[in-house]
Amino acid sequence: MKTPETTEPSLAQIEAEVMAEGREWTRKRMEARLQQLADTHGEVFPPKPKATDPSARAKVSSGHRRGAR
C-alpha cells in the first residue's frame, strides 16, 4: 500500500540518474582501457615537454596578455 508521503521519481529524474550512471561507467571503462594501453606500451601521454623544446617556452605576444587593451 502506498503512503501519501511516498513519491515516485519522475521519468526525467530516472533518466538523469541512469544517464549519470552510464557516463560514470563509460569514464571508468575508458580509464581502464587507456591504463591498459599505457601499461602495454610503457609510455605516458601526453609526454612531458623537454626543456629545449621551443614549444615548451612559447612566449605570449604583448597584445594578447591578460588585461592588455
Protein backbone atom coordinates (compact mmCIF):
# COMPACT_ATOMS: atom_id res chain seq x y z
CA MET A 1 0.00 0.00 0.00
CA LYS A 2 1.32 3.44 -0.93
CA THR A 3 1.51 6.12 1.65
CA PRO A 4 0.74 9.73 0.67
CA GLU A 5 4.24 10.91 1.67
CA THR A 6 5.98 8.41 -0.64
CA THR A 7 6.54 9.99 -4.02
CA GLU A 8 7.75 8.14 -7.06
CA PRO A 9 10.57 9.70 -9.09
CA SER A 10 9.58 11.28 -12.36
CA LEU A 11 10.67 9.86 -15.69
CA ALA A 12 13.06 12.81 -16.09
CA GLN A 13 14.66 12.08 -12.70
CA ILE A 14 15.10 8.39 -13.54
CA GLU A 15 16.55 9.27 -16.94
CA ALA A 16 19.03 11.74 -15.39
CA GLU A 17 20.12 9.17 -12.81
CA VAL A 18 20.61 6.42 -15.38
CA MET A 19 22.48 8.75 -17.75
CA ALA A 20 24.83 9.81 -14.93
CA GLU A 21 25.49 6.16 -14.07
CA GLY A 22 26.19 5.46 -17.74
CA ARG A 23 28.65 8.36 -18.01
CA GLU A 24 30.48 7.17 -14.90
CA TRP A 25 30.63 3.59 -16.21
CA THR A 26 31.96 4.86 -19.55
CA ARG A 27 34.57 7.05 -17.83
CA LYS A 28 35.80 4.15 -15.71
CA ARG A 29 35.88 1.82 -18.73
CA MET A 30 37.86 4.32 -20.78
CA GLU A 31 40.26 4.96 -17.92
CA ALA A 32 40.88 1.21 -17.54
CA ARG A 33 41.37 0.75 -21.28
CA LEU A 34 43.79 3.69 -21.53
CA GLN A 35 45.72 2.44 -18.50
CA GLN A 36 45.95 -0.98 -20.13
CA LEU A 37 47.37 0.63 -23.28
CA ALA A 38 49.85 2.69 -21.27
CA ASP A 39 50.97 -0.42 -19.36
CA THR A 40 51.37 -2.37 -22.61
CA HIS A 41 53.46 0.32 -24.28
CA GLY A 42 55.18 1.62 -21.17
CA GLU A 43 54.53 5.19 -22.21
CA VAL A 44 52.85 8.21 -20.70
CA PHE A 45 50.70 10.53 -22.79
CA PRO A 46 50.98 13.38 -23.27
CA PRO A 47 54.76 13.27 -22.99
CA LYS A 48 56.38 15.85 -20.76
CA PRO A 49 57.87 18.73 -22.82
CA LYS A 50 61.64 18.85 -22.92
CA ALA A 51 63.40 21.95 -21.60
CA THR A 52 64.99 22.51 -25.02
CA ASP A 53 61.67 22.13 -26.84
CA PRO A 54 60.78 25.56 -28.33
CA SER A 55 57.07 24.95 -27.77
CA ALA A 56 57.73 24.50 -24.05
CA ARG A 57 58.97 28.09 -23.85
CA ALA A 58 56.42 29.75 -26.07
CA LYS A 59 56.08 33.46 -25.38
CA VAL A 60 52.81 35.34 -25.45
CA SER A 61 52.88 38.50 -27.50
CA SER A 62 52.19 41.68 -25.56
CA GLY A 63 48.92 42.26 -27.43
CA HIS A 64 47.44 39.04 -26.10
CA ARG A 65 48.28 39.37 -22.43
CA ARG A 66 45.52 39.31 -19.90
CA GLY A 67 44.37 42.82 -19.08
CA ALA A 68 46.18 44.47 -22.01
CA ARG A 69 43.87 46.69 -24.03
